[in-house]
Structure formats: structure tokens, C-alpha cells
Amino acid sequence: MTDQLPGLDDIQTQKWVELIERRTGVSIPPERKSFMLVSLRACIRASDAGDYDDYYRRLTTGGGWSPEWSMLMDRITVHETSFFRHAPSLELLITDILPAFLARNPDCGRGFHAWSLGCATGEEPYSLAMVIEDYMGWRPDGAMFGITATDISQPSLETGRKGVYNERRLVGVPKEMRGRCFRSLGDGMYQVVDRLRRRICFSRVNVMQLERFPLRDLDLIYCQNMLIYFSRERRHELLAQ
């Protein structure tokens, strides 16, 4: 019974910490080890694994990305996000990045391509889409843009693809954008309109395997509150890539 699972000693705990960091790059500091243990117990309970060793074998067999890995990472990483989070970053997009792009491409012969890295449940890429559309919408040539949104959590990506949020989640969205960027589904639920959802491609990416997910000709890499999960050395490696 998973409710009767014993605790892990220091050696066993370190084995799990090293496995998670090796496979995902996510660092588990000492103060989060108890949270990792709670997450492991919940995942074992949700599966039919008998104990920690059985679950460990499942995660290390085959070398691929299994549903068990998705479940574990979804619990270990906190998907804290919101619409229009950190206004100065979005303001920089309006005042510097988009004007510079249009100056380089006055005829908009190529579209603006952004990458939302660590997109969680989709609020970040949808915020980018609303800002970019609002800025470029005045152009008579209807400048094109697209956003690639990636995360390690499959459940979070599914939420992003659906684009359905309750009314409380829309608090950060400017009122003038709510009416044209969301449609009511009733019962306090809203969905991002199709024209914006078509602008975004949600895809699962493990940042430890970026070489398998080559993106070229990017005009913006937007990454907030993701590097906090990695060690200082790993951060430098990811930034260099």
C-alpha cells in the first residue's frame, strides 16, 4: 500500500535527486526534498507501482519520456503563471522589440516568430499573442506572426491548447482586450478566440534536449521564472544554447 510507504534515507533520496536532474535539469535543493517525496508518493499512488524501487525502474527503463515522467514533472514543477504577468517585459516588446522588427522588415516579408519557453498553462504565449496582434493590427498588410510555446508538462500544454480559463484567471487582461480576445462559454468560463489560438503551436520540450528541437530565425525568446529550477551552471549552459 502506498499509504504505508516508508520514508527515504539520504542515499535513496540523493538517487532520486540525481535522476531528476540528469533527465530534466531540474535541481532539487535541500529545502524542496520533502516536497519531492510528497510528489513521488502521489505519483506512485496514481500508478500501480508497488514501491519507490519499482517506480524508479519504470522511469529508467527504455530511456524515453513516459507518462510517468510527465506526471512526476507536473507535480515537481510549480506552474505559477498569469495573463500579462510582469508588465515591464511586455512593455519592452511594444517599445523596442516590435518596432525594431518592423524597421528591419518594413514590407513584413517574413512574419514575427516568438518562442515562449516554459509556457506552463498558456497564459504567457496568449498574452504575447494579444500584445503582438494589438501592435501589428493597424498595419494594412496584416503582418503575420506566430508563437511556439513549449513546456515539459503535458497536462499544462493540453490546458494551453484548449485555451479555456475561468473568469478569475482573466483578471490581468486589459478590459479592452477581453471582449475581442475571449468568448464566453458560460458558467464563468472563457476561451481564447480561434484566431489567436491558431497563432500558437504548443509542444512538449525538455530543455535538456534542445538539440532535438531546433528553432531558427527567432525574433524573440520569452522566458520567465523557468531558470529558477536549474543550478547556476545549468543556467549558463541553457543561456549559451
Protein backbone atom coordinates (compact mmCIF):
# COMPACT_ATOMS: atom_id res chain seq x y z
CA MET A 1 0.00 0.00 0.00
CA THR A 2 1.44 3.39 -0.99
CA ASP A 3 -0.09 4.98 2.13
CA GLN A 4 2.34 2.81 4.10
CA LEU A 5 5.42 3.67 2.06
CA PRO A 6 8.39 4.33 4.33
CA GLY A 7 10.49 7.45 4.07
CA LEU A 8 13.66 7.55 2.01
CA ASP A 9 17.06 7.62 3.63
CA ASP A 10 19.69 10.13 2.50
CA ILE A 11 21.26 7.76 -0.04
CA GLN A 12 17.90 6.84 -1.61
CA THR A 13 16.82 10.48 -1.68
CA GLN A 14 20.03 11.51 -3.42
CA LYS A 15 19.48 8.79 -6.02
CA TRP A 16 16.13 10.35 -6.92
CA VAL A 17 17.55 13.88 -6.89
CA GLU A 18 20.32 12.85 -9.30
CA LEU A 19 17.91 11.02 -11.60
CA ILE A 20 15.60 14.02 -11.89
CA GLU A 21 18.43 16.46 -12.51
CA ARG A 22 20.12 14.13 -15.02
CA ARG A 23 16.97 13.64 -17.04
CA THR A 24 15.39 17.10 -16.80
CA GLY A 25 18.00 19.51 -15.47
CA VAL A 26 15.67 20.44 -12.61
CA SER A 27 17.65 20.92 -9.41
CA ILE A 28 16.10 19.81 -6.12
CA PRO A 29 17.61 21.90 -3.29
CA PRO A 30 17.58 20.53 0.27
CA GLU A 31 14.54 22.58 1.26
CA ARG A 32 12.47 21.00 -1.55
CA LYS A 33 13.39 17.37 -0.94
CA SER A 34 10.36 16.83 1.29
CA PHE A 35 8.16 18.23 -1.50
CA MET A 36 9.82 15.81 -3.92
CA LEU A 37 8.97 12.93 -1.58
CA VAL A 38 5.33 14.01 -1.40
CA SER A 39 5.24 14.21 -5.20
CA LEU A 40 6.78 10.75 -5.55
CA ARG A 41 4.22 9.24 -3.19
CA ALA A 42 1.37 10.85 -5.10
CA CYS A 43 2.69 9.53 -8.42
CA ILE A 44 3.19 6.02 -7.07
CA ARG A 45 -0.32 6.12 -5.64
CA ALA A 46 -1.71 7.16 -9.04
CA SER A 47 0.12 4.30 -10.77
CA ASP A 48 0.16 0.60 -9.99
CA ALA A 49 3.81 0.68 -8.94
CA GLY A 50 4.49 -1.23 -5.76
CA ASP A 51 7.14 0.96 -4.15
CA TYR A 52 9.90 3.51 -4.81
CA ASP A 53 12.23 0.95 -6.41
CA ASP A 54 9.50 -0.31 -8.75
CA TYR A 55 8.66 3.24 -9.76
CA TYR A 56 12.36 4.06 -10.27
CA ARG A 57 12.73 1.09 -12.62
CA ARG A 58 9.76 2.30 -14.65
CA LEU A 59 11.23 5.76 -15.05
CA THR A 60 14.66 4.47 -16.07
CA THR A 61 13.55 1.71 -18.45
CA GLY A 62 13.61 2.49 -22.15
CA GLY A 63 15.18 5.93 -21.88
CA GLY A 64 12.16 7.65 -23.42
CA TRP A 65 9.74 10.19 -22.00
CA SER A 66 6.95 8.17 -20.41
CA PRO A 67 3.58 9.24 -18.99
CA GLU A 68 5.07 8.60 -15.54
CA TRP A 69 7.76 11.21 -16.20
CA SER A 70 5.13 13.71 -17.32
CA MET A 71 3.12 13.10 -14.16
CA LEU A 72 6.13 13.44 -11.89
CA MET A 73 7.41 16.64 -13.50
CA ASP A 74 3.94 18.14 -13.47
CA ARG A 75 3.92 17.73 -9.69
CA ILE A 76 7.51 18.76 -9.00
CA THR A 77 7.45 21.96 -11.06
CA VAL A 78 5.09 24.71 -9.93
CA HIS A 79 3.19 26.14 -12.90
CA GLU A 80 2.61 29.59 -11.46
CA THR A 81 1.60 31.94 -14.24
CA SER A 82 -0.96 34.55 -15.18
CA PHE A 83 -2.06 36.71 -18.07
CA PHE A 84 0.07 39.84 -18.62
CA ARG A 85 2.50 38.84 -15.91
CA HIS A 86 5.38 41.28 -15.40
CA ALA A 87 4.18 44.29 -17.37
CA PRO A 88 7.70 45.75 -17.98
CA SER A 89 8.61 42.75 -20.17
CA LEU A 90 5.55 43.21 -22.33
CA GLU A 91 6.15 46.96 -22.44
CA LEU A 92 9.65 46.27 -23.79
CA LEU A 93 8.06 44.18 -26.54
CA ILE A 94 5.93 47.17 -27.56
CA THR A 95 8.52 49.91 -27.21
CA ASP A 96 11.64 48.16 -28.51
CA ILE A 97 11.34 44.68 -29.96
CA LEU A 98 8.37 45.04 -32.30
CA PRO A 99 9.41 48.48 -33.63
CA ALA A 100 12.91 47.14 -34.32
CA PHE A 101 11.46 44.12 -36.13
CA LEU A 102 9.26 46.27 -38.35
CA ALA A 103 12.17 48.61 -39.05
CA ARG A 104 14.17 45.63 -40.31
CA ASN A 105 11.20 44.26 -42.25
CA PRO A 106 9.24 47.30 -43.49
CA ASP A 107 7.29 45.24 -46.01
CA CYS A 108 6.77 42.41 -43.49
CA GLY A 109 8.10 39.91 -45.99
CA ARG A 110 8.60 37.48 -43.12
CA GLY A 111 6.45 37.03 -40.05
CA PHE A 112 7.42 37.70 -36.46
CA HIS A 113 8.33 34.43 -34.69
CA ALA A 114 8.41 34.21 -30.89
CA TRP A 115 9.27 31.32 -28.60
CA SER A 116 7.58 31.14 -25.20
CA LEU A 117 9.90 28.86 -23.22
CA GLY A 118 8.35 27.31 -20.13
CA CYS A 119 4.86 28.36 -21.16
CA ALA A 120 3.01 26.40 -18.42
CA THR A 121 -0.76 26.52 -18.98
CA GLY A 122 -0.62 29.04 -21.82
CA GLU A 123 -1.30 32.43 -20.24
CA GLU A 124 2.14 33.70 -21.27
CA PRO A 125 2.00 32.90 -25.01
CA TYR A 126 -1.59 34.11 -25.23
CA SER A 127 -0.55 37.39 -23.61
CA LEU A 128 2.21 37.71 -26.21
CA ALA A 129 -0.27 36.99 -28.98
CA MET A 130 -2.67 39.66 -27.74
CA VAL A 131 0.09 42.26 -27.48
CA ILE A 132 1.59 41.45 -30.89
CA GLU A 133 -1.80 41.43 -32.60
CA ASP A 134 -2.73 44.71 -30.94
CA TYR A 135 0.52 46.32 -32.08
CA MET A 136 0.52 44.98 -35.62
CA GLY A 137 -3.22 45.02 -36.22
CA TRP A 138 -3.20 48.56 -37.56
CA ARG A 139 -0.97 47.61 -40.48
CA PRO A 140 -2.87 47.43 -43.77
CA ASP A 141 -0.77 44.47 -44.92
CA GLY A 142 -1.87 42.42 -41.90
CA ALA A 143 1.61 41.46 -40.67
CA MET A 144 1.88 37.77 -39.80
CA PHE A 145 3.22 36.36 -36.56
CA GLY A 146 3.45 33.00 -34.85
CA ILE A 147 4.41 31.72 -31.40
CA THR A 148 5.95 28.39 -30.44
CA ALA A 149 5.04 27.60 -26.83
CA THR A 150 6.94 24.82 -25.07
CA ASP A 151 6.90 23.20 -21.65
CA ILE A 152 7.91 19.92 -20.06
CA SER A 153 4.43 19.27 -18.63
CA GLN A 154 1.97 17.57 -20.97
CA PRO A 155 -1.10 18.37 -18.82
CA SER A 156 -0.15 22.06 -18.83
CA LEU A 157 0.25 22.01 -22.60
CA GLU A 158 -3.20 20.44 -23.00
CA THR A 159 -4.68 23.30 -20.98
CA GLY A 160 -2.86 25.77 -23.20
CA ARG A 161 -4.10 24.15 -26.41
CA LYS A 162 -7.70 24.34 -25.23
CA GLY A 163 -7.28 27.95 -24.10
CA VAL A 164 -10.13 27.69 -21.58
CA TYR A 165 -9.86 29.65 -18.32
CA ASN A 166 -12.20 30.70 -15.56
CA GLU A 167 -13.08 34.35 -15.11
CA ARG A 168 -10.70 34.80 -12.16
CA ARG A 169 -7.75 33.93 -14.39
CA LEU A 170 -8.62 36.83 -16.71
CA VAL A 171 -8.08 39.49 -14.05
CA GLY A 172 -4.79 40.65 -15.60
CA VAL A 173 -6.20 41.01 -19.13
CA PRO A 174 -6.89 44.66 -20.08
CA LYS A 175 -10.64 45.22 -20.33
CA GLU A 176 -10.44 46.44 -23.91
CA MET A 177 -8.87 43.11 -24.93
CA ARG A 178 -11.24 40.75 -23.13
CA GLY A 179 -14.15 41.26 -25.49
CA ARG A 180 -12.20 40.69 -28.68
CA CYS A 181 -9.77 38.01 -27.43
CA PHE A 182 -12.10 35.71 -25.45
CA ARG A 183 -15.53 34.19 -25.95
CA SER A 184 -17.81 33.20 -23.11
CA LEU A 185 -18.57 29.50 -22.65
CA GLY A 186 -20.99 30.13 -19.80
CA ASP A 187 -20.66 29.29 -16.11
CA GLY A 188 -17.82 31.79 -15.73
CA MET A 189 -15.56 30.05 -18.26
CA TYR A 190 -13.92 31.75 -21.24
CA GLN A 191 -11.94 30.52 -24.23
CA VAL A 192 -9.29 32.33 -26.24
CA VAL A 193 -10.71 33.10 -29.69
CA ASP A 194 -9.73 30.82 -32.56
CA ARG A 195 -7.74 33.43 -34.49
CA LEU A 196 -5.27 33.73 -31.58
CA ARG A 197 -5.20 30.02 -30.78
CA ARG A 198 -4.19 29.34 -34.40
CA ARG A 199 -1.16 31.60 -33.92
CA ILE A 200 0.34 29.33 -31.24
CA CYS A 201 1.88 25.87 -31.53
CA PHE A 202 2.12 24.10 -28.17
CA SER A 203 4.80 21.42 -27.94
CA ARG A 204 6.48 19.41 -25.18
CA VAL A 205 10.18 20.16 -24.90
CA ASN A 206 12.74 19.03 -22.36
CA VAL A 207 15.33 21.83 -22.24
CA MET A 208 17.98 19.18 -21.64
CA GLN A 209 17.36 18.03 -25.21
CA LEU A 210 17.15 21.33 -27.09
CA GLU A 211 19.25 19.90 -29.91
CA ARG A 212 16.24 17.73 -30.81
CA PHE A 213 14.02 20.78 -31.11
CA PRO A 214 15.86 23.22 -33.38
CA LEU A 215 14.21 26.59 -33.81
CA ARG A 216 15.58 29.03 -36.33
CA ASP A 217 15.04 32.68 -37.24
CA LEU A 218 13.54 33.60 -33.88
CA ASP A 219 12.76 37.25 -33.24
CA LEU A 220 12.02 36.78 -29.54
CA ILE A 221 12.76 34.18 -26.87
CA TYR A 222 10.47 34.86 -23.94
CA CYS A 223 11.37 33.01 -20.74
CA GLN A 224 10.20 33.95 -17.26
CA ASN A 225 10.60 32.07 -13.98
CA MET A 226 11.85 28.87 -15.55
CA LEU A 227 15.59 29.09 -14.91
CA ILE A 228 14.92 29.18 -11.16
CA TYR A 229 14.58 25.39 -11.29
CA PHE A 230 18.15 24.89 -12.53
CA SER A 231 21.58 25.13 -10.97
CA ARG A 232 23.75 28.13 -11.80
CA GLU A 233 25.98 26.04 -14.08
CA ARG A 234 22.96 24.62 -15.92
CA ARG A 235 21.54 28.11 -16.38
CA HIS A 236 24.69 29.24 -18.13
CA GLU A 237 24.61 26.19 -20.41
CA LEU A 238 20.97 26.82 -21.35
CA LEU A 239 21.54 30.52 -21.99
CA ALA A 240 24.53 29.70 -24.18
CA GLN A 241 22.35 27.36 -26.27
